[in-house]
Structure formats: structure tokens, C-alpha cells
Amino acid sequence: MDMERIHSILNNKEKCDVFYDDRPVWIQWVNENIAKVGFIDNFEVKDVFIPDLY
């Protein structure tokens, strides 16, 4: 995924499915090439590289 797509998702009011390592996540914030994501299936939070999101 790229920054343009991340901003499109964050500014969109509709639900968009985002995954990291085959797990659904929600994007909390982004900073250059890192995104802080929360996993939907538990309370885990992780910093990940934006290109690793899909």
C-alpha cells in the first residue's frame, strides 16, 4: 500500500478492509513510512511498514 491510498482510506467515511500479515487491522496513525495499526481480532497494537499493508 502507498501513502496516497492510506490517506484515501483515513479520509473516507466508508469502511475499507485493510490487512497486515493476513489479519484485519485498523489504522490509528501514519508517520512517513510507518503506520500504527490495531488488530481487529484482539487488542494488539503494532508499528508496521506501510508497504506491508494491503
N, C-alpha and C. Protein backbone atom coordinates (compact mmCIF):
# COMPACT_ATOMS: atom_id res chain seq x y z
N MET A 1 0.85 -1.16 0.00
CA MET A 1 0.00 0.00 0.00
C MET A 1 0.91 1.23 0.00
N ASP A 2 0.40 2.33 -0.54
CA ASP A 2 1.19 3.56 -0.55
C ASP A 2 0.50 4.65 0.27
N MET A 3 1.21 5.75 0.50
CA MET A 3 0.70 6.84 1.34
C MET A 3 -0.58 7.44 0.80
N GLU A 4 -0.67 7.57 -0.52
CA GLU A 4 -1.87 8.14 -1.12
C GLU A 4 -3.10 7.30 -0.79
N ARG A 5 -2.95 5.99 -0.87
CA ARG A 5 -4.06 5.09 -0.54
C ARG A 5 -4.40 5.15 0.95
N ILE A 6 -3.38 5.23 1.80
CA ILE A 6 -3.60 5.35 3.25
C ILE A 6 -4.44 6.59 3.55
N HIS A 7 -4.06 7.73 2.97
CA HIS A 7 -4.81 8.96 3.21
C HIS A 7 -6.23 8.87 2.66
N SER A 8 -6.40 8.20 1.54
CA SER A 8 -7.73 8.00 0.98
C SER A 8 -8.60 7.19 1.94
N ILE A 9 -8.04 6.15 2.54
CA ILE A 9 -8.78 5.32 3.49
C ILE A 9 -9.11 6.12 4.75
N LEU A 10 -8.14 6.86 5.27
CA LEU A 10 -8.36 7.61 6.50
C LEU A 10 -9.37 8.73 6.32
N ASN A 11 -9.46 9.30 5.14
CA ASN A 11 -10.40 10.39 4.88
C ASN A 11 -11.76 9.92 4.39
N ASN A 12 -11.91 8.62 4.22
CA ASN A 12 -13.15 8.04 3.71
C ASN A 12 -14.06 7.67 4.88
N LYS A 13 -15.33 7.99 4.79
CA LYS A 13 -16.27 7.65 5.85
C LYS A 13 -16.75 6.20 5.75
N GLU A 14 -16.55 5.58 4.61
CA GLU A 14 -16.97 4.19 4.43
C GLU A 14 -15.89 3.25 4.97
N LYS A 15 -16.32 2.04 5.33
CA LYS A 15 -15.39 1.04 5.84
C LYS A 15 -14.54 0.50 4.70
N CYS A 16 -13.25 0.41 4.94
CA CYS A 16 -12.31 -0.17 3.98
C CYS A 16 -11.55 -1.28 4.69
N ASP A 17 -11.48 -2.44 4.09
CA ASP A 17 -10.74 -3.55 4.68
C ASP A 17 -9.25 -3.35 4.46
N VAL A 18 -8.49 -3.42 5.54
CA VAL A 18 -7.03 -3.30 5.49
C VAL A 18 -6.47 -4.49 6.25
N PHE A 19 -5.42 -5.10 5.70
CA PHE A 19 -4.84 -6.29 6.31
C PHE A 19 -3.34 -6.14 6.47
N TYR A 20 -2.84 -6.79 7.51
CA TYR A 20 -1.41 -6.92 7.73
C TYR A 20 -1.16 -8.38 8.11
N ASP A 21 -0.33 -9.05 7.37
CA ASP A 21 0.01 -10.44 7.67
C ASP A 21 -1.25 -11.31 7.78
N ASP A 22 -2.16 -11.14 6.84
CA ASP A 22 -3.43 -11.89 6.76
C ASP A 22 -4.37 -11.64 7.93
N ARG A 23 -4.16 -10.57 8.66
CA ARG A 23 -5.04 -10.22 9.78
C ARG A 23 -5.64 -8.85 9.54
N PRO A 24 -6.94 -8.67 9.81
CA PRO A 24 -7.57 -7.36 9.63
C PRO A 24 -7.09 -6.37 10.68
N VAL A 25 -6.83 -5.14 10.23
CA VAL A 25 -6.34 -4.08 11.12
C VAL A 25 -7.10 -2.79 10.86
N TRP A 26 -7.00 -1.88 11.82
CA TRP A 26 -7.44 -0.50 11.58
C TRP A 26 -6.25 0.40 11.81
N ILE A 27 -6.15 1.42 11.00
CA ILE A 27 -5.01 2.32 11.02
C ILE A 27 -5.27 3.42 12.03
N GLN A 28 -4.36 3.54 13.02
CA GLN A 28 -4.51 4.57 14.04
C GLN A 28 -3.84 5.87 13.62
N TRP A 29 -2.63 5.81 13.09
CA TRP A 29 -1.93 6.98 12.57
C TRP A 29 -0.81 6.53 11.65
N VAL A 30 -0.31 7.48 10.88
CA VAL A 30 0.80 7.20 9.98
C VAL A 30 1.88 8.28 10.16
N ASN A 31 3.13 7.88 9.90
CA ASN A 31 4.26 8.79 10.00
C ASN A 31 5.30 8.34 8.98
N GLU A 32 5.42 9.08 7.91
CA GLU A 32 6.33 8.76 6.80
C GLU A 32 6.05 7.36 6.26
N ASN A 33 6.84 6.34 6.60
CA ASN A 33 6.60 5.00 6.03
C ASN A 33 6.17 3.99 7.10
N ILE A 34 5.75 4.48 8.28
CA ILE A 34 5.30 3.62 9.37
C ILE A 34 3.84 3.93 9.69
N ALA A 35 3.06 2.89 9.95
CA ALA A 35 1.68 3.06 10.39
C ALA A 35 1.51 2.31 11.71
N LYS A 36 0.81 2.93 12.64
CA LYS A 36 0.44 2.24 13.87
C LYS A 36 -0.93 1.63 13.61
N VAL A 37 -1.03 0.32 13.75
CA VAL A 37 -2.28 -0.37 13.47
C VAL A 37 -2.74 -1.12 14.72
N GLY A 38 -4.04 -1.24 14.83
CA GLY A 38 -4.66 -2.07 15.86
C GLY A 38 -5.27 -3.27 15.17
N PHE A 39 -5.07 -4.43 15.76
CA PHE A 39 -5.62 -5.65 15.18
C PHE A 39 -7.08 -5.80 15.62
N ILE A 40 -7.94 -6.11 14.67
CA ILE A 40 -9.37 -6.19 14.94
C ILE A 40 -9.70 -7.44 15.76
N ASP A 41 -8.90 -8.49 15.63
CA ASP A 41 -9.22 -9.74 16.32
C ASP A 41 -8.72 -9.81 17.77
N ASN A 42 -7.99 -8.78 18.24
CA ASN A 42 -7.57 -8.71 19.65
C ASN A 42 -7.16 -7.28 19.95
N PHE A 43 -6.53 -7.04 21.09
CA PHE A 43 -6.17 -5.68 21.49
C PHE A 43 -4.74 -5.32 21.16
N GLU A 44 -4.07 -6.11 20.33
CA GLU A 44 -2.68 -5.87 19.98
C GLU A 44 -2.55 -4.61 19.11
N VAL A 45 -1.50 -3.84 19.35
CA VAL A 45 -1.18 -2.66 18.56
C VAL A 45 0.27 -2.82 18.11
N LYS A 46 0.55 -2.43 16.86
CA LYS A 46 1.89 -2.64 16.33
C LYS A 46 2.23 -1.55 15.32
N ASP A 47 3.51 -1.15 15.29
CA ASP A 47 4.01 -0.27 14.23
C ASP A 47 4.48 -1.13 13.08
N VAL A 48 3.98 -0.84 11.87
CA VAL A 48 4.32 -1.65 10.70
C VAL A 48 4.72 -0.74 9.55
N PHE A 49 5.45 -1.28 8.61
CA PHE A 49 5.79 -0.53 7.40
C PHE A 49 4.56 -0.46 6.51
N ILE A 50 4.28 0.73 5.99
CA ILE A 50 3.11 0.96 5.14
C ILE A 50 3.07 0.01 3.94
N PRO A 51 4.19 -0.27 3.27
CA PRO A 51 4.11 -1.20 2.13
C PRO A 51 3.68 -2.62 2.51
N ASP A 52 3.73 -2.96 3.81
CA ASP A 52 3.31 -4.30 4.25
C ASP A 52 1.81 -4.40 4.45
N LEU A 53 1.10 -3.29 4.34
CA LEU A 53 -0.37 -3.30 4.46
C LEU A 53 -0.98 -3.56 3.09
N TYR A 54 -2.11 -4.21 3.10
CA TYR A 54 -2.85 -4.41 1.85
C TYR A 54 -4.34 -4.44 2.12
